[in-house]
Amino acid sequence: MTNFTKNDIETFGRVLAGIGIAIERNPSILMDLLNTNTSLNKFEKEKEHVRDQIKTLNIFDEFKDKKKSEIENELLTYTKDELKFIVKNFSLGATRLNSVEKLSDFIADQVSKRTKDVFIKQE
């Protein structure tokens, strides 16, 4: 950890004092900043729109008797956000893949290697 000098602390104190004076004069600055941050979080949650069908899908039961190519063809009908949800929800591993084709290939490969969900959520 970095050692702080007395001068560093005094300078930081003056910065905090300046911020405090600015907020006392115009508290709406801080309120606007906090409200903007809150609205961005709501926007991110709305952005992750996944159909209810995908939320209730159990890929291991659905795809256990199918070949990898059949699984991949069915997964190609889903959107990128839905495929990312499947990867995250079923703990299929970390991936930076970003296209529907590559994500569906990744999921199909993972599902064809497993016979059941080894990460069953404990109730």
N, C-alpha and C. Protein backbone atom coordinates (compact mmCIF):
# COMPACT_ATOMS: atom_id res chain seq x y z
N MET A 1 0.84 -1.17 0.00
CA MET A 1 0.00 0.00 0.00
C MET A 1 0.90 1.24 0.00
N THR A 2 0.41 2.27 -0.63
CA THR A 2 1.19 3.50 -0.75
C THR A 2 1.16 4.27 0.56
N ASN A 3 2.30 4.84 0.91
CA ASN A 3 2.37 5.69 2.09
C ASN A 3 1.95 7.10 1.71
N PHE A 4 1.07 7.68 2.52
CA PHE A 4 0.60 9.03 2.26
C PHE A 4 1.34 10.00 3.15
N THR A 5 1.66 11.13 2.58
CA THR A 5 2.34 12.16 3.36
C THR A 5 1.31 13.11 3.93
N LYS A 6 1.75 13.93 4.84
CA LYS A 6 0.87 14.93 5.44
C LYS A 6 0.36 15.88 4.37
N ASN A 7 1.20 16.21 3.41
CA ASN A 7 0.82 17.12 2.33
C ASN A 7 -0.29 16.50 1.47
N ASP A 8 -0.20 15.19 1.20
CA ASP A 8 -1.23 14.50 0.43
C ASP A 8 -2.58 14.58 1.13
N ILE A 9 -2.56 14.37 2.43
CA ILE A 9 -3.81 14.39 3.20
C ILE A 9 -4.39 15.79 3.24
N GLU A 10 -3.55 16.81 3.41
CA GLU A 10 -4.03 18.19 3.42
C GLU A 10 -4.64 18.57 2.07
N THR A 11 -3.99 18.15 1.00
CA THR A 11 -4.51 18.45 -0.34
C THR A 11 -5.85 17.77 -0.56
N PHE A 12 -5.94 16.51 -0.17
CA PHE A 12 -7.19 15.79 -0.32
C PHE A 12 -8.29 16.42 0.54
N GLY A 13 -7.93 16.89 1.73
CA GLY A 13 -8.90 17.57 2.59
C GLY A 13 -9.44 18.83 1.94
N ARG A 14 -8.56 19.59 1.26
CA ARG A 14 -9.01 20.80 0.57
C ARG A 14 -9.96 20.44 -0.59
N VAL A 15 -9.66 19.32 -1.28
CA VAL A 15 -10.54 18.88 -2.37
C VAL A 15 -11.91 18.51 -1.81
N LEU A 16 -11.92 17.76 -0.72
CA LEU A 16 -13.20 17.37 -0.10
C LEU A 16 -13.96 18.59 0.39
N ALA A 17 -13.26 19.55 0.96
CA ALA A 17 -13.90 20.78 1.43
C ALA A 17 -14.53 21.52 0.25
N GLY A 18 -13.80 21.58 -0.88
CA GLY A 18 -14.34 22.23 -2.07
C GLY A 18 -15.58 21.54 -2.59
N ILE A 19 -15.57 20.23 -2.58
CA ILE A 19 -16.74 19.47 -3.01
C ILE A 19 -17.91 19.73 -2.07
N GLY A 20 -17.62 19.76 -0.76
CA GLY A 20 -18.67 20.02 0.23
C GLY A 20 -19.30 21.38 0.04
N ILE A 21 -18.49 22.40 -0.22
CA ILE A 21 -19.01 23.76 -0.43
C ILE A 21 -19.87 23.79 -1.70
N ALA A 22 -19.42 23.12 -2.77
CA ALA A 22 -20.20 23.09 -4.01
C ALA A 22 -21.54 22.40 -3.80
N ILE A 23 -21.56 21.34 -3.02
CA ILE A 23 -22.81 20.62 -2.77
C ILE A 23 -23.73 21.44 -1.87
N GLU A 24 -23.16 22.18 -0.89
CA GLU A 24 -23.98 23.03 -0.03
C GLU A 24 -24.65 24.12 -0.85
N ARG A 25 -23.94 24.69 -1.80
CA ARG A 25 -24.50 25.77 -2.62
C ARG A 25 -25.54 25.24 -3.60
N ASN A 26 -25.31 24.05 -4.15
CA ASN A 26 -26.22 23.51 -5.16
C ASN A 26 -26.36 22.00 -4.96
N PRO A 27 -27.23 21.57 -4.03
CA PRO A 27 -27.37 20.14 -3.75
C PRO A 27 -27.95 19.35 -4.92
N SER A 28 -28.58 20.04 -5.86
CA SER A 28 -29.16 19.33 -7.00
C SER A 28 -28.09 18.68 -7.87
N ILE A 29 -26.83 19.18 -7.79
CA ILE A 29 -25.74 18.56 -8.55
C ILE A 29 -25.57 17.11 -8.13
N LEU A 30 -25.51 16.89 -6.83
CA LEU A 30 -25.34 15.53 -6.32
C LEU A 30 -26.59 14.69 -6.59
N MET A 31 -27.76 15.29 -6.43
CA MET A 31 -29.00 14.55 -6.68
C MET A 31 -29.09 14.13 -8.15
N ASP A 32 -28.72 15.02 -9.07
CA ASP A 32 -28.73 14.67 -10.49
C ASP A 32 -27.76 13.53 -10.78
N LEU A 33 -26.59 13.60 -10.17
CA LEU A 33 -25.58 12.57 -10.37
C LEU A 33 -26.08 11.21 -9.86
N LEU A 34 -26.68 11.20 -8.67
CA LEU A 34 -27.19 9.95 -8.11
C LEU A 34 -28.37 9.42 -8.91
N ASN A 35 -29.26 10.29 -9.36
CA ASN A 35 -30.41 9.86 -10.15
C ASN A 35 -29.98 9.32 -11.50
N THR A 36 -28.96 9.91 -12.10
CA THR A 36 -28.45 9.43 -13.38
C THR A 36 -27.88 8.02 -13.21
N ASN A 37 -27.15 7.80 -12.14
CA ASN A 37 -26.57 6.48 -11.88
C ASN A 37 -27.68 5.45 -11.67
N THR A 38 -28.73 5.81 -10.95
CA THR A 38 -29.84 4.90 -10.70
C THR A 38 -30.57 4.58 -11.99
N SER A 39 -30.79 5.59 -12.82
CA SER A 39 -31.51 5.34 -14.07
C SER A 39 -30.67 4.49 -15.03
N LEU A 40 -29.35 4.60 -14.98
CA LEU A 40 -28.50 3.76 -15.81
C LEU A 40 -28.62 2.30 -15.39
N ASN A 41 -28.71 2.04 -14.09
CA ASN A 41 -28.86 0.66 -13.60
C ASN A 41 -30.19 0.08 -14.07
N LYS A 42 -31.25 0.89 -14.06
CA LYS A 42 -32.55 0.42 -14.53
C LYS A 42 -32.49 0.11 -16.02
N PHE A 43 -31.78 0.96 -16.76
CA PHE A 43 -31.65 0.75 -18.20
C PHE A 43 -30.92 -0.55 -18.50
N GLU A 44 -29.88 -0.85 -17.75
CA GLU A 44 -29.13 -2.08 -17.96
C GLU A 44 -30.00 -3.30 -17.66
N LYS A 45 -30.83 -3.22 -16.64
CA LYS A 45 -31.71 -4.34 -16.33
C LYS A 45 -32.76 -4.53 -17.42
N GLU A 46 -33.30 -3.41 -17.96
CA GLU A 46 -34.28 -3.51 -19.03
C GLU A 46 -33.63 -4.03 -20.30
N LYS A 47 -32.37 -3.73 -20.50
CA LYS A 47 -31.66 -4.15 -21.70
C LYS A 47 -31.55 -5.67 -21.77
N GLU A 48 -31.40 -6.31 -20.62
CA GLU A 48 -31.27 -7.77 -20.58
C GLU A 48 -32.67 -8.38 -20.63
N HIS A 49 -33.29 -8.27 -21.80
CA HIS A 49 -34.64 -8.78 -21.99
C HIS A 49 -34.56 -10.21 -22.51
N VAL A 50 -35.11 -11.11 -21.74
CA VAL A 50 -35.09 -12.53 -22.11
C VAL A 50 -36.52 -13.04 -22.02
N ARG A 51 -36.91 -13.78 -23.04
CA ARG A 51 -38.27 -14.34 -23.05
C ARG A 51 -38.46 -15.30 -21.88
N ASP A 52 -39.70 -15.41 -21.41
CA ASP A 52 -40.00 -16.33 -20.32
C ASP A 52 -39.73 -17.78 -20.72
N GLN A 53 -39.90 -18.06 -22.00
CA GLN A 53 -39.63 -19.42 -22.51
C GLN A 53 -38.17 -19.80 -22.25
N ILE A 54 -37.27 -18.85 -22.42
CA ILE A 54 -35.85 -19.11 -22.20
C ILE A 54 -35.57 -19.26 -20.71
N LYS A 55 -36.25 -18.47 -19.88
CA LYS A 55 -36.02 -18.54 -18.44
C LYS A 55 -36.43 -19.88 -17.86
N THR A 56 -37.44 -20.50 -18.45
CA THR A 56 -37.91 -21.78 -17.93
C THR A 56 -37.30 -22.97 -18.65
N LEU A 57 -36.49 -22.72 -19.66
CA LEU A 57 -35.87 -23.78 -20.44
C LEU A 57 -34.82 -24.53 -19.62
N ASN A 58 -34.86 -25.85 -19.67
CA ASN A 58 -33.81 -26.67 -19.08
C ASN A 58 -33.08 -27.33 -20.24
N ILE A 59 -31.93 -26.78 -20.59
CA ILE A 59 -31.23 -27.24 -21.79
C ILE A 59 -30.79 -28.70 -21.71
N PHE A 60 -30.54 -29.19 -20.52
CA PHE A 60 -30.07 -30.57 -20.40
C PHE A 60 -31.20 -31.56 -20.66
N ASP A 61 -32.41 -31.24 -20.21
CA ASP A 61 -33.54 -32.11 -20.50
C ASP A 61 -33.99 -31.96 -21.95
N GLU A 62 -33.97 -30.74 -22.44
CA GLU A 62 -34.45 -30.43 -23.78
C GLU A 62 -33.57 -31.06 -24.87
N PHE A 63 -32.26 -31.02 -24.66
CA PHE A 63 -31.32 -31.40 -25.72
C PHE A 63 -30.59 -32.72 -25.49
N LYS A 64 -30.97 -33.51 -24.48
CA LYS A 64 -30.15 -34.67 -24.13
C LYS A 64 -30.14 -35.76 -25.19
N ASP A 65 -31.17 -35.89 -26.00
CA ASP A 65 -31.21 -36.94 -27.01
C ASP A 65 -30.92 -36.43 -28.42
N LYS A 66 -30.41 -35.20 -28.51
CA LYS A 66 -30.16 -34.61 -29.82
C LYS A 66 -28.67 -34.55 -30.11
N LYS A 67 -28.36 -34.53 -31.40
CA LYS A 67 -26.97 -34.39 -31.83
C LYS A 67 -26.55 -32.94 -31.71
N LYS A 68 -25.24 -32.73 -31.73
CA LYS A 68 -24.70 -31.38 -31.59
C LYS A 68 -25.22 -30.46 -32.69
N SER A 69 -25.29 -30.94 -33.91
CA SER A 69 -25.75 -30.10 -35.03
C SER A 69 -27.22 -29.72 -34.85
N GLU A 70 -28.05 -30.63 -34.34
CA GLU A 70 -29.45 -30.33 -34.10
C GLU A 70 -29.60 -29.29 -32.99
N ILE A 71 -28.81 -29.43 -31.95
CA ILE A 71 -28.83 -28.46 -30.84
C ILE A 71 -28.44 -27.08 -31.36
N GLU A 72 -27.37 -27.05 -32.14
CA GLU A 72 -26.87 -25.78 -32.66
C GLU A 72 -27.92 -25.11 -33.56
N ASN A 73 -28.58 -25.88 -34.42
CA ASN A 73 -29.61 -25.31 -35.30
C ASN A 73 -30.76 -24.73 -34.51
N GLU A 74 -31.13 -25.39 -33.43
CA GLU A 74 -32.23 -24.87 -32.61
C GLU A 74 -31.80 -23.61 -31.86
N LEU A 75 -30.56 -23.59 -31.40
CA LEU A 75 -30.06 -22.42 -30.67
C LEU A 75 -29.89 -21.20 -31.57
N LEU A 76 -29.72 -21.42 -32.85
CA LEU A 76 -29.57 -20.29 -33.79
C LEU A 76 -30.83 -19.44 -33.87
N THR A 77 -31.96 -19.96 -33.39
CA THR A 77 -33.21 -19.19 -33.42
C THR A 77 -33.29 -18.19 -32.27
N TYR A 78 -32.39 -18.29 -31.29
CA TYR A 78 -32.41 -17.40 -30.14
C TYR A 78 -31.56 -16.16 -30.41
N THR A 79 -31.81 -15.12 -29.63
CA THR A 79 -31.02 -13.89 -29.77
C THR A 79 -29.72 -14.02 -28.98
N LYS A 80 -28.83 -13.08 -29.20
CA LYS A 80 -27.53 -13.08 -28.51
C LYS A 80 -27.72 -12.95 -27.00
N ASP A 81 -28.62 -12.06 -26.57
CA ASP A 81 -28.86 -11.88 -25.14
C ASP A 81 -29.42 -13.15 -24.50
N GLU A 82 -30.28 -13.84 -25.22
CA GLU A 82 -30.85 -15.08 -24.70
C GLU A 82 -29.78 -16.17 -24.58
N LEU A 83 -28.89 -16.24 -25.55
CA LEU A 83 -27.82 -17.23 -25.49
C LEU A 83 -26.85 -16.92 -24.35
N LYS A 84 -26.55 -15.64 -24.15
CA LYS A 84 -25.69 -15.26 -23.03
C LYS A 84 -26.36 -15.59 -21.70
N PHE A 85 -27.68 -15.41 -21.64
CA PHE A 85 -28.42 -15.77 -20.44
C PHE A 85 -28.31 -17.27 -20.17
N ILE A 86 -28.42 -18.08 -21.22
CA ILE A 86 -28.30 -19.53 -21.06
C ILE A 86 -26.92 -19.91 -20.54
N VAL A 87 -25.88 -19.31 -21.10
CA VAL A 87 -24.51 -19.60 -20.65
C VAL A 87 -24.35 -19.24 -19.18
N LYS A 88 -24.85 -18.07 -18.81
CA LYS A 88 -24.72 -17.60 -17.43
C LYS A 88 -25.58 -18.43 -16.48
N ASN A 89 -26.81 -18.70 -16.87
CA ASN A 89 -27.76 -19.39 -16.00
C ASN A 89 -27.38 -20.84 -15.74
N PHE A 90 -26.80 -21.50 -16.74
CA PHE A 90 -26.45 -22.91 -16.59
C PHE A 90 -24.97 -23.12 -16.30
N SER A 91 -24.26 -22.06 -15.96
CA SER A 91 -22.84 -22.14 -15.57
C SER A 91 -22.04 -22.95 -16.59
N LEU A 92 -22.13 -22.56 -17.84
CA LEU A 92 -21.44 -23.28 -18.90
C LEU A 92 -20.00 -22.82 -19.08
N GLY A 93 -19.57 -21.90 -18.28
CA GLY A 93 -18.19 -21.43 -18.36
C GLY A 93 -18.11 -20.02 -18.90
N ALA A 94 -17.00 -19.40 -18.64
CA ALA A 94 -16.79 -18.03 -19.10
C ALA A 94 -16.49 -18.03 -20.60
N THR A 95 -17.07 -17.07 -21.29
CA THR A 95 -16.83 -16.94 -22.71
C THR A 95 -16.92 -15.49 -23.12
N ARG A 96 -16.09 -15.12 -24.07
CA ARG A 96 -16.14 -13.77 -24.63
C ARG A 96 -16.80 -13.77 -26.00
N LEU A 97 -17.36 -14.87 -26.37
CA LEU A 97 -18.00 -14.97 -27.68
C LEU A 97 -19.16 -14.00 -27.75
N ASN A 98 -19.35 -13.42 -28.93
CA ASN A 98 -20.34 -12.35 -29.03
C ASN A 98 -21.31 -12.53 -30.19
N SER A 99 -21.12 -13.51 -31.04
CA SER A 99 -22.05 -13.69 -32.15
C SER A 99 -22.98 -14.86 -31.84
N VAL A 100 -24.14 -14.83 -32.44
CA VAL A 100 -25.14 -15.87 -32.21
C VAL A 100 -24.59 -17.23 -32.65
N GLU A 101 -23.89 -17.25 -33.79
CA GLU A 101 -23.37 -18.51 -34.32
C GLU A 101 -22.35 -19.13 -33.36
N LYS A 102 -21.41 -18.33 -32.89
CA LYS A 102 -20.36 -18.86 -32.02
C LYS A 102 -20.91 -19.23 -30.65
N LEU A 103 -21.85 -18.42 -30.14
CA LEU A 103 -22.45 -18.76 -28.84
C LEU A 103 -23.25 -20.05 -28.93
N SER A 104 -24.01 -20.21 -30.02
CA SER A 104 -24.80 -21.44 -30.15
C SER A 104 -23.89 -22.65 -30.31
N ASP A 105 -22.78 -22.50 -31.02
CA ASP A 105 -21.81 -23.59 -31.14
C ASP A 105 -21.20 -23.93 -29.78
N PHE A 106 -20.86 -22.90 -29.01
CA PHE A 106 -20.28 -23.10 -27.67
C PHE A 106 -21.26 -23.84 -26.77
N ILE A 107 -22.51 -23.39 -26.75
CA ILE A 107 -23.52 -24.02 -25.89
C ILE A 107 -23.77 -25.46 -26.33
N ALA A 108 -23.90 -25.66 -27.64
CA ALA A 108 -24.14 -27.02 -28.15
C ALA A 108 -22.99 -27.94 -27.78
N ASP A 109 -21.78 -27.43 -27.87
CA ASP A 109 -20.61 -28.24 -27.51
C ASP A 109 -20.63 -28.60 -26.03
N GLN A 110 -20.94 -27.63 -25.17
CA GLN A 110 -20.99 -27.89 -23.74
C GLN A 110 -22.10 -28.87 -23.37
N VAL A 111 -23.28 -28.68 -23.98
CA VAL A 111 -24.42 -29.54 -23.65
C VAL A 111 -24.19 -30.96 -24.16
N SER A 112 -23.57 -31.10 -25.32
CA SER A 112 -23.35 -32.45 -25.85
C SER A 112 -22.32 -33.21 -25.03
N LYS A 113 -21.45 -32.51 -24.32
CA LYS A 113 -20.45 -33.17 -23.48
C LYS A 113 -21.02 -33.60 -22.13
N ARG A 114 -22.06 -32.94 -21.69
CA ARG A 114 -22.64 -33.25 -20.37
C ARG A 114 -23.94 -34.02 -20.55
N THR A 115 -24.22 -34.87 -19.60
CA THR A 115 -25.48 -35.63 -19.64
C THR A 115 -26.52 -35.04 -18.71
N LYS A 116 -26.07 -34.27 -17.72
CA LYS A 116 -27.01 -33.63 -16.82
C LYS A 116 -26.37 -32.37 -16.25
N ASP A 117 -27.21 -31.54 -15.66
CA ASP A 117 -26.72 -30.29 -15.08
C ASP A 117 -26.01 -30.61 -13.79
N VAL A 118 -24.70 -30.45 -13.80
CA VAL A 118 -23.92 -30.75 -12.60
C VAL A 118 -23.94 -29.59 -11.62
N PHE A 119 -24.51 -28.47 -12.02
CA PHE A 119 -24.59 -27.30 -11.15
C PHE A 119 -26.03 -27.03 -10.77
N ILE A 120 -26.77 -28.08 -10.43
CA ILE A 120 -28.16 -27.91 -10.04
C ILE A 120 -28.23 -26.99 -8.83
N LYS A 121 -29.10 -26.01 -8.94
CA LYS A 121 -29.21 -25.03 -7.86
C LYS A 121 -29.90 -25.69 -6.66
N GLN A 122 -29.25 -25.61 -5.53
CA GLN A 122 -29.78 -26.21 -4.32
C GLN A 122 -30.93 -25.35 -3.79
N GLU A 123 -32.00 -26.00 -3.37
CA GLU A 123 -33.14 -25.26 -2.86
C GLU A 123 -33.19 -25.34 -1.35
